Amino acid sequence: MKSSVVRVNLPNGDMVGHTGDIKATIVTCKAADEAVKVMELELKKLEDTVKSIHEEMFYLRSREEEMRTTNSRMAWLSFLSLAVCLSVAGLQLWHLKTFFERKKLL
């Protein structure tokens, strides 16, 4: 994101008004209005950026919560898979032992 700096030098309309030159006072007030409009536009852009970052943060937080529950499920599935594999290995050893005992090789 590009960072920008807005520097505004606002003329004091009250001080210019005391000079008695009405045209200078009007020009000063118009210049101040334009400068304030530029600042207002920049602040609106910053506000929109902050809002979008805030929304993205909440979206990422909800996705993280969803992933935590998914990770928990995957951990339980891994433990279940390990238990099944160990059970099958035990059954295979038992079957081989009984087979060799019947053949009188053991």
PDB file of N, CA and C in Angstrom:
ATOM      1  N   MET A   1       0.847  -1.175   0.000  1.00  0.00           N
ATOM      2  CA  MET A   1       0.000   0.000   0.000  1.00  0.00           C
ATOM      3  C   MET A   1       0.890   1.234   0.000  1.00  0.00           C
ATOM      4  N   LYS A   2       0.581   2.149  -0.863  1.00  0.00           N
ATOM      5  CA  LYS A   2       1.363   3.371  -0.975  1.00  0.00           C
ATOM      6  C   LYS A   2       0.944   4.343   0.121  1.00  0.00           C
ATOM      7  N   SER A   3       1.913   4.871   0.796  1.00  0.00           N
ATOM      8  CA  SER A   3       1.642   5.846   1.843  1.00  0.00           C
ATOM      9  C   SER A   3       1.806   7.240   1.254  1.00  0.00           C
ATOM     10  N   SER A   4       0.853   8.099   1.556  1.00  0.00           N
ATOM     11  CA  SER A   4       0.947   9.461   1.045  1.00  0.00           C
ATOM     12  C   SER A   4       0.784  10.450   2.192  1.00  0.00           C
ATOM     13  N   VAL A   5       1.398  11.580   2.019  1.00  0.00           N
ATOM     14  CA  VAL A   5       1.322  12.636   3.011  1.00  0.00           C
ATOM     15  C   VAL A   5       0.680  13.840   2.350  1.00  0.00           C
ATOM     16  N   VAL A   6      -0.324  14.373   3.009  1.00  0.00           N
ATOM     17  CA  VAL A   6      -0.990  15.567   2.501  1.00  0.00           C
ATOM     18  C   VAL A   6      -0.636  16.714   3.442  1.00  0.00           C
ATOM     19  N   ARG A   7      -0.006  17.705   2.883  1.00  0.00           N
ATOM     20  CA  ARG A   7       0.359  18.870   3.676  1.00  0.00           C
ATOM     21  C   ARG A   7      -0.514  20.029   3.225  1.00  0.00           C
ATOM     22  N   VAL A   8      -1.202  20.621   4.161  1.00  0.00           N
ATOM     23  CA  VAL A   8      -2.138  21.692   3.838  1.00  0.00           C
ATOM     24  C   VAL A   8      -1.782  22.914   4.667  1.00  0.00           C
ATOM     25  N   ASN A   9      -1.669  24.029   3.982  1.00  0.00           N
ATOM     26  CA  ASN A   9      -1.425  25.293   4.659  1.00  0.00           C
ATOM     27  C   ASN A   9      -2.685  26.130   4.464  1.00  0.00           C
ATOM     28  N   LEU A  10      -3.521  26.151   5.487  1.00  0.00           N
ATOM     29  CA  LEU A  10      -4.794  26.866   5.371  1.00  0.00           C
ATOM     30  C   LEU A  10      -4.614  28.330   5.753  1.00  0.00           C
ATOM     31  N   PRO A  11      -5.069  29.216   4.876  1.00  0.00           N
ATOM     32  CA  PRO A  11      -5.012  30.630   5.231  1.00  0.00           C
ATOM     33  C   PRO A  11      -6.096  30.947   6.265  1.00  0.00           C
ATOM     34  N   ASN A  12      -5.812  31.854   7.125  1.00  0.00           N
ATOM     35  CA  ASN A  12      -6.760  32.239   8.149  1.00  0.00           C
ATOM     36  C   ASN A  12      -7.693  33.300   7.561  1.00  0.00           C
ATOM     37  N   GLY A  13      -8.923  32.878   7.285  1.00  0.00           N
ATOM     38  CA  GLY A  13      -9.901  33.791   6.671  1.00  0.00           C
ATOM     39  C   GLY A  13     -10.240  34.978   7.540  1.00  0.00           C
ATOM     40  N   ASP A  14     -10.192  34.805   8.838  1.00  0.00           N
ATOM     41  CA  ASP A  14     -10.505  35.884   9.762  1.00  0.00           C
ATOM     42  C   ASP A  14      -9.455  36.982   9.686  1.00  0.00           C
ATOM     43  N   MET A  15      -8.189  36.577   9.603  1.00  0.00           N
ATOM     44  CA  MET A  15      -7.106  37.572   9.531  1.00  0.00           C
ATOM     45  C   MET A  15      -7.162  38.324   8.214  1.00  0.00           C
ATOM     46  N   VAL A  16      -7.455  37.596   7.131  1.00  0.00           N
ATOM     47  CA  VAL A  16      -7.551  38.264   5.828  1.00  0.00           C
ATOM     48  C   VAL A  16      -8.768  39.185   5.808  1.00  0.00           C
ATOM     49  N   GLY A  17      -9.853  38.775   6.480  1.00  0.00           N
ATOM     50  CA  GLY A  17     -11.064  39.593   6.524  1.00  0.00           C
ATOM     51  C   GLY A  17     -10.848  40.917   7.230  1.00  0.00           C
ATOM     52  N   HIS A  18      -9.933  40.954   8.166  1.00  0.00           N
ATOM     53  CA  HIS A  18      -9.654  42.200   8.880  1.00  0.00           C
ATOM     54  C   HIS A  18      -8.915  43.224   8.022  1.00  0.00           C
ATOM     55  N   THR A  19      -8.397  42.771   6.904  1.00  0.00           N
ATOM     56  CA  THR A  19      -7.705  43.721   6.031  1.00  0.00           C
ATOM     57  C   THR A  19      -8.695  44.612   5.300  1.00  0.00           C
ATOM     58  N   GLY A  20      -9.935  44.161   5.207  1.00  0.00           N
ATOM     59  CA  GLY A  20     -10.952  44.954   4.527  1.00  0.00           C
ATOM     60  C   GLY A  20     -11.082  44.611   3.053  1.00  0.00           C
ATOM     61  N   ASP A  21     -10.244  43.719   2.532  1.00  0.00           N
ATOM     62  CA  ASP A  21     -10.315  43.320   1.121  1.00  0.00           C
ATOM     63  C   ASP A  21     -11.240  42.118   1.017  1.00  0.00           C
ATOM     64  N   ILE A  22     -12.471  42.369   0.539  1.00  0.00           N
ATOM     65  CA  ILE A  22     -13.488  41.325   0.479  1.00  0.00           C
ATOM     66  C   ILE A  22     -13.126  40.246  -0.538  1.00  0.00           C
ATOM     67  N   LYS A  23     -12.510  40.633  -1.668  1.00  0.00           N
ATOM     68  CA  LYS A  23     -12.133  39.646  -2.682  1.00  0.00           C
ATOM     69  C   LYS A  23     -11.069  38.685  -2.132  1.00  0.00           C
ATOM     70  N   ALA A  24     -10.121  39.239  -1.392  1.00  0.00           N
ATOM     71  CA  ALA A  24      -9.071  38.400  -0.808  1.00  0.00           C
ATOM     72  C   ALA A  24      -9.676  37.442   0.224  1.00  0.00           C
ATOM     73  N   THR A  25     -10.648  37.931   0.968  1.00  0.00           N
ATOM     74  CA  THR A  25     -11.308  37.084   1.962  1.00  0.00           C
ATOM     75  C   THR A  25     -12.054  35.937   1.288  1.00  0.00           C
ATOM     76  N   ILE A  26     -12.760  36.232   0.186  1.00  0.00           N
ATOM     77  CA  ILE A  26     -13.498  35.195  -0.552  1.00  0.00           C
ATOM     78  C   ILE A  26     -12.532  34.165  -1.138  1.00  0.00           C
ATOM     79  N   VAL A  27     -11.441  34.631  -1.718  1.00  0.00           N
ATOM     80  CA  VAL A  27     -10.438  33.721  -2.289  1.00  0.00           C
ATOM     81  C   VAL A  27      -9.844  32.848  -1.189  1.00  0.00           C
ATOM     82  N   THR A  28      -9.579  33.435  -0.051  1.00  0.00           N
ATOM     83  CA  THR A  28      -9.011  32.689   1.076  1.00  0.00           C
ATOM     84  C   THR A  28      -9.978  31.608   1.557  1.00  0.00           C
ATOM     85  N   CYS A  29     -11.242  31.951   1.680  1.00  0.00           N
ATOM     86  CA  CYS A  29     -12.244  30.973   2.136  1.00  0.00           C
ATOM     87  C   CYS A  29     -12.420  29.853   1.122  1.00  0.00           C
ATOM     88  N   LYS A  30     -12.399  30.183  -0.175  1.00  0.00           N
ATOM     89  CA  LYS A  30     -12.512  29.149  -1.215  1.00  0.00           C
ATOM     90  C   LYS A  30     -11.302  28.218  -1.198  1.00  0.00           C
ATOM     91  N   ALA A  31     -10.127  28.792  -0.993  1.00  0.00           N
ATOM     92  CA  ALA A  31      -8.910  27.973  -0.929  1.00  0.00           C
ATOM     93  C   ALA A  31      -8.961  27.034   0.275  1.00  0.00           C
ATOM     94  N   ALA A  32      -9.449  27.550   1.391  1.00  0.00           N
ATOM     95  CA  ALA A  32      -9.566  26.704   2.587  1.00  0.00           C
ATOM     96  C   ALA A  32     -10.575  25.588   2.357  1.00  0.00           C
ATOM     97  N   ASP A  33     -11.694  25.906   1.700  1.00  0.00           N
ATOM     98  CA  ASP A  33     -12.696  24.877   1.384  1.00  0.00           C
ATOM     99  C   ASP A  33     -12.111  23.786   0.491  1.00  0.00           C
ATOM    100  N   GLU A  34     -11.356  24.168  -0.515  1.00  0.00           N
ATOM    101  CA  GLU A  34     -10.736  23.185  -1.413  1.00  0.00           C
ATOM    102  C   GLU A  34      -9.749  22.304  -0.656  1.00  0.00           C
ATOM    103  N   ALA A  35      -8.958  22.909   0.215  1.00  0.00           N
ATOM    104  CA  ALA A  35      -7.983  22.132   0.984  1.00  0.00           C
ATOM    105  C   ALA A  35      -8.685  21.143   1.911  1.00  0.00           C
ATOM    106  N   VAL A  36      -9.784  21.580   2.510  1.00  0.00           N
ATOM    107  CA  VAL A  36     -10.537  20.695   3.400  1.00  0.00           C
ATOM    108  C   VAL A  36     -11.172  19.561   2.593  1.00  0.00           C
ATOM    109  N   LYS A  37     -11.630  19.837   1.381  1.00  0.00           N
ATOM    110  CA  LYS A  37     -12.207  18.791   0.528  1.00  0.00           C
ATOM    111  C   LYS A  37     -11.163  17.738   0.174  1.00  0.00           C
ATOM    112  N   VAL A  38      -9.941  18.168  -0.094  1.00  0.00           N
ATOM    113  CA  VAL A  38      -8.860  17.219  -0.397  1.00  0.00           C
ATOM    114  C   VAL A  38      -8.587  16.331   0.824  1.00  0.00           C
ATOM    115  N   MET A  39      -8.517  16.962   1.994  1.00  0.00           N
ATOM    116  CA  MET A  39      -8.287  16.188   3.214  1.00  0.00           C
ATOM    117  C   MET A  39      -9.442  15.225   3.486  1.00  0.00           C
ATOM    118  N   GLU A  40     -10.662  15.693   3.242  1.00  0.00           N
ATOM    119  CA  GLU A  40     -11.834  14.852   3.462  1.00  0.00           C
ATOM    120  C   GLU A  40     -11.807  13.634   2.538  1.00  0.00           C
ATOM    121  N   LEU A  41     -11.411  13.830   1.290  1.00  0.00           N
ATOM    122  CA  LEU A  41     -11.314  12.733   0.333  1.00  0.00           C
ATOM    123  C   LEU A  41     -10.244  11.720   0.772  1.00  0.00           C
ATOM    124  N   GLU A  42      -9.100  12.196   1.207  1.00  0.00           N
ATOM    125  CA  GLU A  42      -8.031  11.303   1.674  1.00  0.00           C
ATOM    126  C   GLU A  42      -8.469  10.537   2.925  1.00  0.00           C
ATOM    127  N   LEU A  43      -9.154  11.212   3.830  1.00  0.00           N
ATOM    128  CA  LEU A  43      -9.631  10.538   5.032  1.00  0.00           C
ATOM    129  C   LEU A  43     -10.683   9.484   4.697  1.00  0.00           C
ATOM    130  N   LYS A  44     -11.520   9.758   3.717  1.00  0.00           N
ATOM    131  CA  LYS A  44     -12.517   8.775   3.284  1.00  0.00           C
ATOM    132  C   LYS A  44     -11.822   7.537   2.711  1.00  0.00           C
ATOM    133  N   LYS A  45     -10.769   7.740   1.925  1.00  0.00           N
ATOM    134  CA  LYS A  45     -10.015   6.610   1.381  1.00  0.00           C
ATOM    135  C   LYS A  45      -9.394   5.788   2.503  1.00  0.00           C
ATOM    136  N   LEU A  46      -8.819   6.466   3.482  1.00  0.00           N
ATOM    137  CA  LEU A  46      -8.216   5.769   4.623  1.00  0.00           C
ATOM    138  C   LEU A  46      -9.268   4.999   5.421  1.00  0.00           C
ATOM    139  N   GLU A  47     -10.427   5.607   5.586  1.00  0.00           N
ATOM    140  CA  GLU A  47     -11.505   4.935   6.309  1.00  0.00           C
ATOM    141  C   GLU A  47     -11.939   3.664   5.585  1.00  0.00           C
ATOM    142  N   ASP A  48     -12.073   3.732   4.266  1.00  0.00           N
ATOM    143  CA  ASP A  48     -12.448   2.560   3.477  1.00  0.00           C
ATOM    144  C   ASP A  48     -11.383   1.471   3.577  1.00  0.00           C
ATOM    145  N   THR A  49     -10.117   1.876   3.558  1.00  0.00           N
ATOM    146  CA  THR A  49      -9.026   0.908   3.682  1.00  0.00           C
ATOM    147  C   THR A  49      -9.063   0.225   5.037  1.00  0.00           C
ATOM    148  N   VAL A  50      -9.268   0.993   6.084  1.00  0.00           N
ATOM    149  CA  VAL A  50      -9.319   0.425   7.433  1.00  0.00           C
ATOM    150  C   VAL A  50     -10.513  -0.523   7.564  1.00  0.00           C
ATOM    151  N   LYS A  51     -11.644  -0.157   6.994  1.00  0.00           N
ATOM    152  CA  LYS A  51     -12.828  -1.025   7.046  1.00  0.00           C
ATOM    153  C   LYS A  51     -12.571  -2.346   6.314  1.00  0.00           C
ATOM    154  N   SER A  52     -11.927  -2.274   5.154  1.00  0.00           N
ATOM    155  CA  SER A  52     -11.663  -3.511   4.411  1.00  0.00           C
ATOM    156  C   SER A  52     -10.665  -4.396   5.159  1.00  0.00           C
ATOM    157  N   ILE A  53      -9.662  -3.801   5.800  1.00  0.00           N
ATOM    158  CA  ILE A  53      -8.706  -4.579   6.599  1.00  0.00           C
ATOM    159  C   ILE A  53      -9.425  -5.222   7.789  1.00  0.00           C
ATOM    160  N   HIS A  54     -10.324  -4.489   8.405  1.00  0.00           N
ATOM    161  CA  HIS A  54     -11.077  -5.002   9.547  1.00  0.00           C
ATOM    162  C   HIS A  54     -11.955  -6.180   9.128  1.00  0.00           C
ATOM    163  N   GLU A  55     -12.643  -6.062   8.004  1.00  0.00           N
ATOM    164  CA  GLU A  55     -13.488  -7.148   7.508  1.00  0.00           C
ATOM    165  C   GLU A  55     -12.647  -8.376   7.163  1.00  0.00           C
ATOM    166  N   GLU A  56     -11.498  -8.152   6.534  1.00  0.00           N
ATOM    167  CA  GLU A  56     -10.607  -9.257   6.185  1.00  0.00           C
ATOM    168  C   GLU A  56     -10.101  -9.963   7.445  1.00  0.00           C
ATOM    169  N   MET A  57      -9.822  -9.205   8.486  1.00  0.00           N
ATOM    170  CA  MET A  57      -9.353  -9.783   9.737  1.00  0.00           C
ATOM    171  C   MET A  57     -10.423 -10.695  10.341  1.00  0.00           C
ATOM    172  N   PHE A  58     -11.681 -10.260  10.350  1.00  0.00           N
ATOM    173  CA  PHE A  58     -12.749 -11.090  10.878  1.00  0.00           C
ATOM    174  C   PHE A  58     -12.962 -12.333  10.020  1.00  0.00           C
ATOM    175  N   TYR A  59     -12.831 -12.199   8.704  1.00  0.00           N
ATOM    176  CA  TYR A  59     -12.966 -13.350   7.815  1.00  0.00           C
ATOM    177  C   TYR A  59     -11.865 -14.369   8.113  1.00  0.00           C
ATOM    178  N   LEU A  60     -10.634 -13.899   8.255  1.00  0.00           N
ATOM    179  CA  LEU A  60      -9.518 -14.805   8.548  1.00  0.00           C
ATOM    180  C   LEU A  60      -9.680 -15.466   9.907  1.00  0.00           C
ATOM    181  N   ARG A  61     -10.215 -14.737  10.863  1.00  0.00           N
ATOM    182  CA  ARG A  61     -10.445 -15.317  12.191  1.00  0.00           C
ATOM    183  C   ARG A  61     -11.475 -16.441  12.118  1.00  0.00           C
ATOM    184  N   SER A  62     -12.541 -16.246  11.343  1.00  0.00           N
ATOM    185  CA  SER A  62     -13.552 -17.302  11.219  1.00  0.00           C
ATOM    186  C   SER A  62     -12.986 -18.509  10.475  1.00  0.00           C
ATOM    187  N   ARG A  63     -12.163 -18.287   9.467  1.00  0.00           N
ATOM    188  CA  ARG A  63     -11.531 -19.401   8.749  1.00  0.00           C
ATOM    189  C   ARG A  63     -10.577 -20.168   9.666  1.00  0.00           C
ATOM    190  N   GLU A  64      -9.878 -19.455  10.529  1.00  0.00           N
ATOM    191  CA  GLU A  64      -8.966 -20.112  11.458  1.00  0.00           C
ATOM    192  C   GLU A  64      -9.743 -21.018  12.414  1.00  0.00           C
ATOM    193  N   GLU A  65     -10.882 -20.539  12.909  1.00  0.00           N
ATOM    194  CA  GLU A  65     -11.714 -21.359  13.786  1.00  0.00           C
ATOM    195  C   GLU A  65     -12.177 -22.619  13.062  1.00  0.00           C
ATOM    196  N   GLU A  66     -12.563 -22.455  11.811  1.00  0.00           N
ATOM    197  CA  GLU A  66     -13.013 -23.595  11.011  1.00  0.00           C
ATOM    198  C   GLU A  66     -11.877 -24.603  10.816  1.00  0.00           C
ATOM    199  N   MET A  67     -10.682 -24.100  10.579  1.00  0.00           N
ATOM    200  CA  MET A  67      -9.539 -24.986  10.381  1.00  0.00           C
ATOM    201  C   MET A  67      -9.153 -25.699  11.672  1.00  0.00           C
ATOM    202  N   ARG A  68      -9.334 -25.053  12.809  1.00  0.00           N
ATOM    203  CA  ARG A  68      -9.014 -25.706  14.080  1.00  0.00           C
ATOM    204  C   ARG A  68      -9.901 -26.917  14.311  1.00  0.00           C
ATOM    205  N   THR A  69     -11.192 -26.799  13.997  1.00  0.00           N
ATOM    206  CA  THR A  69     -12.083 -27.949  14.159  1.00  0.00           C
ATOM    207  C   THR A  69     -11.725 -29.035  13.150  1.00  0.00           C
ATOM    208  N   THR A  70     -11.342 -28.642  11.945  1.00  0.00           N
ATOM    209  CA  THR A  70     -10.937 -29.624  10.939  1.00  0.00           C
ATOM    210  C   THR A  70      -9.660 -30.335  11.376  1.00  0.00           C
ATOM    211  N   ASN A  71      -8.705 -29.609  11.918  1.00  0.00           N
ATOM    212  CA  ASN A  71      -7.468 -30.215  12.400  1.00  0.00           C
ATOM    213  C   ASN A  71      -7.751 -31.207  13.527  1.00  0.00           C
ATOM    214  N   SER A  72      -8.676 -30.873  14.393  1.00  0.00           N
ATOM    215  CA  SER A  72      -9.036 -31.775  15.481  1.00  0.00           C
ATOM    216  C   SER A  72      -9.627 -33.065  14.924  1.00  0.00           C
ATOM    217  N   ARG A  73     -10.481 -32.949  13.944  1.00  0.00           N
ATOM    218  CA  ARG A  73     -11.070 -34.140  13.314  1.00  0.00           C
ATOM    219  C   ARG A  73     -10.008 -35.001  12.653  1.00  0.00           C
ATOM    220  N   MET A  74      -9.060 -34.344  11.982  1.00  0.00           N
ATOM    221  CA  MET A  74      -7.999 -35.092  11.311  1.00  0.00           C
ATOM    222  C   MET A  74      -7.112 -35.811  12.329  1.00  0.00           C
ATOM    223  N   ALA A  75      -6.879 -35.225  13.484  1.00  0.00           N
ATOM    224  CA  ALA A  75      -6.079 -35.877  14.515  1.00  0.00           C
ATOM    225  C   ALA A  75      -6.786 -37.137  15.005  1.00  0.00           C
ATOM    226  N   TRP A  76      -8.092 -37.047  15.239  1.00  0.00           N
ATOM    227  CA  TRP A  76      -8.838 -38.231  15.675  1.00  0.00           C
ATOM    228  C   TRP A  76      -8.851 -39.295  14.588  1.00  0.00           C
ATOM    229  N   LEU A  77      -8.981 -38.887  13.350  1.00  0.00           N
ATOM    230  CA  LEU A  77      -8.960 -39.846  12.244  1.00  0.00           C
ATOM    231  C   LEU A  77      -7.603 -40.536  12.160  1.00  0.00           C
ATOM    232  N   SER A  78      -6.531 -39.815  12.400  1.00  0.00           N
ATOM    233  CA  SER A  78      -5.188 -40.398  12.387  1.00  0.00           C
ATOM    234  C   SER A  78      -5.035 -41.432  13.495  1.00  0.00           C
ATOM    235  N   PHE A  79      -5.511 -41.109  14.692  1.00  0.00           N
ATOM    236  CA  PHE A  79      -5.443 -42.074  15.789  1.00  0.00           C
ATOM    237  C   PHE A  79      -6.271 -43.318  15.490  1.00  0.00           C
ATOM    238  N   LEU A  80      -7.446 -43.142  14.910  1.00  0.00           N
ATOM    239  CA  LEU A  80      -8.289 -44.276  14.541  1.00  0.00           C
ATOM    240  C   LEU A  80      -7.598 -45.138  13.494  1.00  0.00           C
ATOM    241  N   SER A  81      -6.987 -44.506  12.500  1.00  0.00           N
ATOM    242  CA  SER A  81      -6.271 -45.232  11.463  1.00  0.00           C
ATOM    243  C   SER A  81      -5.102 -46.016  12.053  1.00  0.00           C
ATOM    244  N   LEU A  82      -4.377 -45.415  12.972  1.00  0.00           N
ATOM    245  CA  LEU A  82      -3.271 -46.099  13.636  1.00  0.00           C
ATOM    246  C   LEU A  82      -3.774 -47.309  14.422  1.00  0.00           C
ATOM    247  N   ALA A  83      -4.884 -47.154  15.121  1.00  0.00           N
ATOM    248  CA  ALA A  83      -5.450 -48.267  15.889  1.00  0.00           C
ATOM    249  C   ALA A  83      -5.866 -49.406  14.972  1.00  0.00           C
ATOM    250  N   VAL A  84      -6.469 -49.087  13.839  1.00  0.00           N
ATOM    251  CA  VAL A  84      -6.873 -50.120  12.877  1.00  0.00           C
ATOM    252  C   VAL A  84      -5.649 -50.840  12.334  1.00  0.00           C
ATOM    253  N   CYS A  85      -4.618 -50.095  11.966  1.00  0.00           N
ATOM    254  CA  CYS A  85      -3.388 -50.716  11.440  1.00  0.00           C
ATOM    255  C   CYS A  85      -2.737 -51.639  12.472  1.00  0.00           C
ATOM    256  N   LEU A  86      -2.660 -51.210  13.723  1.00  0.00           N
ATOM    257  CA  LEU A  86      -2.077 -52.053  14.768  1.00  0.00           C
ATOM    258  C   LEU A  86      -2.930 -53.296  15.014  1.00  0.00           C
ATOM    259  N   SER A  87      -4.242 -53.146  14.954  1.00  0.00           N
ATOM    260  CA  SER A  87      -5.134 -54.296  15.132  1.00  0.00           C
ATOM    261  C   SER A  87      -4.945 -55.308  14.008  1.00  0.00           C
ATOM    262  N   VAL A  88      -4.876 -54.834  12.786  1.00  0.00           N
ATOM    263  CA  VAL A  88      -4.674 -55.721  11.638  1.00  0.00           C
ATOM    264  C   VAL A  88      -3.321 -56.418  11.747  1.00  0.00           C
ATOM    265  N   ALA A  89      -2.294 -55.702  12.151  1.00  0.00           N
ATOM    266  CA  ALA A  89      -0.967 -56.312  12.312  1.00  0.00           C
ATOM    267  C   ALA A  89      -1.013 -57.394  13.391  1.00  0.00           C
ATOM    268  N   GLY A  90      -1.700 -57.144  14.489  1.00  0.00           N
ATOM    269  CA  GLY A  90      -1.844 -58.150  15.548  1.00  0.00           C
ATOM    270  C   GLY A  90      -2.585 -59.375  15.062  1.00  0.00           C
ATOM    271  N   LEU A  91      -3.678 -59.160  14.302  1.00  0.00           N
ATOM    272  CA  LEU A  91      -4.431 -60.289  13.759  1.00  0.00           C
ATOM    273  C   LEU A  91      -3.588 -61.107  12.781  1.00  0.00           C
ATOM    274  N   GLN A  92      -2.782 -60.445  11.982  1.00  0.00           N
ATOM    275  CA  GLN A  92      -1.911 -61.162  11.047  1.00  0.00           C
ATOM    276  C   GLN A  92      -0.891 -62.013  11.800  1.00  0.00           C
ATOM    277  N   LEU A  93      -0.288 -61.471  12.844  1.00  0.00           N
ATOM    278  CA  LEU A  93       0.660 -62.245  13.646  1.00  0.00           C
ATOM    279  C   LEU A  93      -0.012 -63.451  14.301  1.00  0.00           C
ATOM    280  N   TRP A  94      -1.208 -63.251  14.847  1.00  0.00           N
ATOM    281  CA  TRP A  94      -1.949 -64.355  15.455  1.00  0.00           C
ATOM    282  C   TRP A  94      -2.264 -65.435  14.427  1.00  0.00           C
ATOM    283  N   HIS A  95      -2.718 -65.009  13.230  1.00  0.00           N
ATOM    284  CA  HIS A  95      -3.052 -65.958  12.166  1.00  0.00           C
ATOM    285  C   HIS A  95      -1.814 -66.743  11.734  1.00  0.00           C
ATOM    286  N   LEU A  96      -0.679 -66.066  11.539  1.00  0.00           N
ATOM    287  CA  LEU A  96       0.545 -66.765  11.138  1.00  0.00           C
ATOM    288  C   LEU A  96       1.007 -67.743  12.221  1.00  0.00           C
ATOM    289  N   LYS A  97       0.894 -67.362  13.469  1.00  0.00           N
ATOM    290  CA  LYS A  97       1.307 -68.240  14.559  1.00  0.00           C
ATOM    291  C   LYS A  97       0.458 -69.506  14.584  1.00  0.00           C
ATOM    292  N   THR A  98      -0.879 -69.324  14.464  1.00  0.00           N
ATOM    293  CA  THR A  98      -1.748 -70.514  14.461  1.00  0.00           C
ATOM    294  C   THR A  98      -1.513 -71.367  13.222  1.00  0.00           C
ATOM    295  N   PHE A  99      -1.238 -70.751  12.101  1.00  0.00           N
ATOM    296  CA  PHE A  99      -0.966 -71.513  10.866  1.00  0.00           C
ATOM    297  C   PHE A  99       0.283 -72.375  11.031  1.00  0.00           C
ATOM    298  N   PHE A 100       1.351 -71.785  11.524  1.00  0.00           N
ATOM    299  CA  PHE A 100       2.591 -72.545  11.689  1.00  0.00           C
ATOM    300  C   PHE A 100       2.473 -73.598  12.790  1.00  0.00           C
ATOM    301  N   GLU A 101       1.655 -73.332  13.808  1.00  0.00           N
ATOM    302  CA  GLU A 101       1.440 -74.340  14.847  1.00  0.00           C
ATOM    303  C   GLU A 101       0.682 -75.549  14.290  1.00  0.00           C
ATOM    304  N   ARG A 102      -0.299 -75.329  13.399  1.00  0.00           N
ATOM    305  CA  ARG A 102      -1.046 -76.424  12.779  1.00  0.00           C
ATOM    306  C   ARG A 102      -0.167 -77.252  11.867  1.00  0.00           C
ATOM    307  N   LYS A 103       0.748 -76.604  11.190  1.00  0.00           N
ATOM    308  CA  LYS A 103       1.662 -77.302  10.277  1.00  0.00           C
ATOM    309  C   LYS A 103       2.833 -77.927  11.058  1.00  0.00           C
ATOM    310  N   LYS A 104       2.854 -77.697  12.334  1.00  0.00           N
ATOM    311  CA  LYS A 104       3.883 -78.212  13.223  1.00  0.00           C
ATOM    312  C   LYS A 104       5.282 -77.734  12.815  1.00  0.00           C
ATOM    313  N   LEU A 105       5.351 -76.504  12.326  1.00  0.00           N
ATOM    314  CA  LEU A 105       6.634 -75.887  12.011  1.00  0.00           C
ATOM    315  C   LEU A 105       7.141 -75.065  13.185  1.00  0.00           C
ATOM    316  N   LEU A 106       6.268 -74.784  14.073  1.00  0.00           N
ATOM    317  CA  LEU A 106       6.637 -74.002  15.249  1.00  0.00           C
ATOM    318  C   LEU A 106       6.524 -74.788  16.510  1.00  0.00           C
TER     319      LEU A 106
END
